[in-house]
Structures are given as structure tokens and as C-alpha cells.
Amino acid sequence: MGGYGFYVWLSFGSCLLILLGLVFFSARGHRQTLKSIADQLGREQRIKQAQQGEMV
């Protein structure tokens, strides 16, 4: 690589590490968003049940 192998592999490794980090943090954020939505739906359902219980 004409003496530039260290820099080539270092940049390749850096890019790979950054892309893997991006995939990891994106997946984690997606799971947190889905959990947040499920929690919100559960709260709304409990509120509706409580309101229906008061009407009866």
C-alpha cells in the first residue's frame, strides 16, 4: 500500500466502528420508542377503564 497501510486500515477500522455504533444506538433507540408507545397506550387504557368504572 505504498507505506500508507496503517492509515488505510485505521480509517477502515474507524468507519466500521462508527457504523456499528450507529446500528447499535439506532436499534436501542427504536426499542425505547416502542416501549414508550406501549407504556403510553397502557396508561390510556387504564385511564379509560377507570373512567368507565366511575360511570357505573
N, C-alpha and C. Protein backbone atom coordinates (compact mmCIF):
# COMPACT_ATOMS: atom_id res chain seq x y z
N MET A 1 0.83 -1.20 0.00
CA MET A 1 0.00 0.00 0.00
C MET A 1 0.86 1.25 0.00
N GLY A 2 2.10 1.07 -0.36
CA GLY A 2 2.97 2.22 -0.54
C GLY A 2 3.26 2.97 0.75
N GLY A 3 3.28 2.28 1.89
CA GLY A 3 3.58 2.95 3.15
C GLY A 3 2.37 3.58 3.82
N TYR A 4 1.23 3.48 3.19
CA TYR A 4 0.02 4.10 3.74
C TYR A 4 -0.93 3.08 4.36
N GLY A 5 -0.50 1.84 4.50
CA GLY A 5 -1.36 0.78 5.01
C GLY A 5 -1.92 1.08 6.38
N PHE A 6 -1.08 1.64 7.25
CA PHE A 6 -1.55 1.97 8.60
C PHE A 6 -2.73 2.93 8.54
N TYR A 7 -2.62 3.97 7.75
CA TYR A 7 -3.69 4.97 7.65
C TYR A 7 -4.93 4.41 6.97
N VAL A 8 -4.72 3.57 5.98
CA VAL A 8 -5.85 2.96 5.27
C VAL A 8 -6.63 2.07 6.23
N TRP A 9 -5.93 1.18 6.95
CA TRP A 9 -6.62 0.27 7.86
C TRP A 9 -7.19 0.99 9.07
N LEU A 10 -6.52 2.04 9.50
CA LEU A 10 -7.04 2.84 10.60
C LEU A 10 -8.34 3.53 10.20
N SER A 11 -8.39 4.08 9.01
CA SER A 11 -9.62 4.74 8.56
C SER A 11 -10.72 3.71 8.30
N PHE A 12 -10.36 2.55 7.77
CA PHE A 12 -11.33 1.49 7.56
C PHE A 12 -11.91 1.03 8.89
N GLY A 13 -11.05 0.80 9.86
CA GLY A 13 -11.50 0.38 11.19
C GLY A 13 -12.35 1.44 11.87
N SER A 14 -11.97 2.70 11.72
CA SER A 14 -12.75 3.79 12.32
C SER A 14 -14.14 3.85 11.72
N CYS A 15 -14.22 3.75 10.41
CA CYS A 15 -15.53 3.79 9.74
C CYS A 15 -16.39 2.61 10.15
N LEU A 16 -15.79 1.43 10.24
CA LEU A 16 -16.54 0.24 10.65
C LEU A 16 -17.05 0.40 12.08
N LEU A 17 -16.22 0.91 12.97
CA LEU A 17 -16.62 1.13 14.36
C LEU A 17 -17.76 2.14 14.44
N ILE A 18 -17.67 3.21 13.69
CA ILE A 18 -18.72 4.23 13.69
C ILE A 18 -20.03 3.66 13.15
N LEU A 19 -19.96 2.90 12.07
CA LEU A 19 -21.18 2.31 11.51
C LEU A 19 -21.81 1.30 12.46
N LEU A 20 -21.00 0.49 13.12
CA LEU A 20 -21.54 -0.46 14.10
C LEU A 20 -22.18 0.27 15.27
N GLY A 21 -21.55 1.35 15.71
CA GLY A 21 -22.14 2.17 16.77
C GLY A 21 -23.46 2.77 16.35
N LEU A 22 -23.54 3.22 15.12
CA LEU A 22 -24.78 3.79 14.59
C LEU A 22 -25.90 2.75 14.58
N VAL A 23 -25.59 1.55 14.13
CA VAL A 23 -26.59 0.47 14.12
C VAL A 23 -27.03 0.15 15.54
N PHE A 24 -26.08 0.03 16.46
CA PHE A 24 -26.40 -0.30 17.84
C PHE A 24 -27.30 0.76 18.48
N PHE A 25 -26.92 2.03 18.37
CA PHE A 25 -27.69 3.08 19.02
C PHE A 25 -29.04 3.31 18.34
N SER A 26 -29.11 3.07 17.04
CA SER A 26 -30.40 3.18 16.34
C SER A 26 -31.35 2.08 16.80
N ALA A 27 -30.86 0.86 16.93
CA ALA A 27 -31.70 -0.25 17.39
C ALA A 27 -32.15 -0.01 18.82
N ARG A 28 -31.26 0.48 19.65
CA ARG A 28 -31.61 0.75 21.05
C ARG A 28 -32.66 1.85 21.13
N GLY A 29 -32.51 2.89 20.35
CA GLY A 29 -33.50 3.97 20.33
C GLY A 29 -34.85 3.49 19.83
N HIS A 30 -34.82 2.60 18.84
CA HIS A 30 -36.07 2.05 18.30
C HIS A 30 -36.80 1.24 19.38
N ARG A 31 -36.07 0.41 20.10
CA ARG A 31 -36.69 -0.38 21.18
C ARG A 31 -37.25 0.54 22.27
N GLN A 32 -36.53 1.59 22.62
CA GLN A 32 -37.01 2.52 23.64
C GLN A 32 -38.27 3.24 23.17
N THR A 33 -38.32 3.59 21.90
CA THR A 33 -39.51 4.25 21.36
C THR A 33 -40.71 3.32 21.39
N LEU A 34 -40.52 2.07 20.99
CA LEU A 34 -41.62 1.10 21.02
C LEU A 34 -42.10 0.87 22.45
N LYS A 35 -41.18 0.80 23.40
CA LYS A 35 -41.56 0.62 24.80
C LYS A 35 -42.33 1.84 25.30
N SER A 36 -41.89 3.01 24.92
CA SER A 36 -42.58 4.24 25.33
C SER A 36 -44.00 4.28 24.78
N ILE A 37 -44.17 3.88 23.54
CA ILE A 37 -45.50 3.85 22.93
C ILE A 37 -46.39 2.83 23.64
N ALA A 38 -45.84 1.66 23.93
CA ALA A 38 -46.62 0.63 24.64
C ALA A 38 -47.01 1.11 26.03
N ASP A 39 -46.10 1.78 26.72
CA ASP A 39 -46.42 2.32 28.05
C ASP A 39 -47.53 3.36 27.96
N GLN A 40 -47.45 4.24 26.98
CA GLN A 40 -48.46 5.28 26.81
C GLN A 40 -49.83 4.66 26.51
N LEU A 41 -49.86 3.67 25.63
CA LEU A 41 -51.13 3.00 25.32
C LEU A 41 -51.71 2.31 26.55
N GLY A 42 -50.86 1.72 27.35
CA GLY A 42 -51.31 1.08 28.58
C GLY A 42 -51.89 2.08 29.56
N ARG A 43 -51.24 3.25 29.68
CA ARG A 43 -51.77 4.30 30.56
C ARG A 43 -53.13 4.78 30.08
N GLU A 44 -53.25 5.00 28.77
CA GLU A 44 -54.52 5.45 28.22
C GLU A 44 -55.62 4.42 28.46
N GLN A 45 -55.28 3.16 28.32
CA GLN A 45 -56.27 2.10 28.53
C GLN A 45 -56.71 2.05 30.00
N ARG A 46 -55.76 2.20 30.92
CA ARG A 46 -56.11 2.20 32.35
C ARG A 46 -56.97 3.41 32.71
N ILE A 47 -56.69 4.56 32.10
CA ILE A 47 -57.50 5.76 32.35
C ILE A 47 -58.92 5.54 31.86
N LYS A 48 -59.08 4.96 30.67
CA LYS A 48 -60.42 4.69 30.13
C LYS A 48 -61.18 3.73 31.03
N GLN A 49 -60.50 2.69 31.52
CA GLN A 49 -61.15 1.72 32.40
C GLN A 49 -61.57 2.39 33.71
N ALA A 50 -60.73 3.26 34.23
CA ALA A 50 -61.06 3.95 35.48
C ALA A 50 -62.25 4.88 35.27
N GLN A 51 -62.30 5.56 34.14
CA GLN A 51 -63.42 6.46 33.86
C GLN A 51 -64.71 5.67 33.68
N GLN A 52 -64.65 4.52 33.05
CA GLN A 52 -65.84 3.69 32.87
C GLN A 52 -66.30 3.14 34.21
N GLY A 53 -65.38 2.85 35.10
CA GLY A 53 -65.72 2.35 36.42
C GLY A 53 -66.42 3.40 37.25
N GLU A 54 -66.07 4.67 37.07
CA GLU A 54 -66.72 5.75 37.80
C GLU A 54 -68.13 6.00 37.31
N MET A 55 -68.38 5.74 36.03
CA MET A 55 -69.70 5.98 35.45
C MET A 55 -70.71 4.93 35.89
N VAL A 56 -70.25 3.75 36.19
CA VAL A 56 -71.16 2.64 36.53
C VAL A 56 -71.69 2.76 37.92
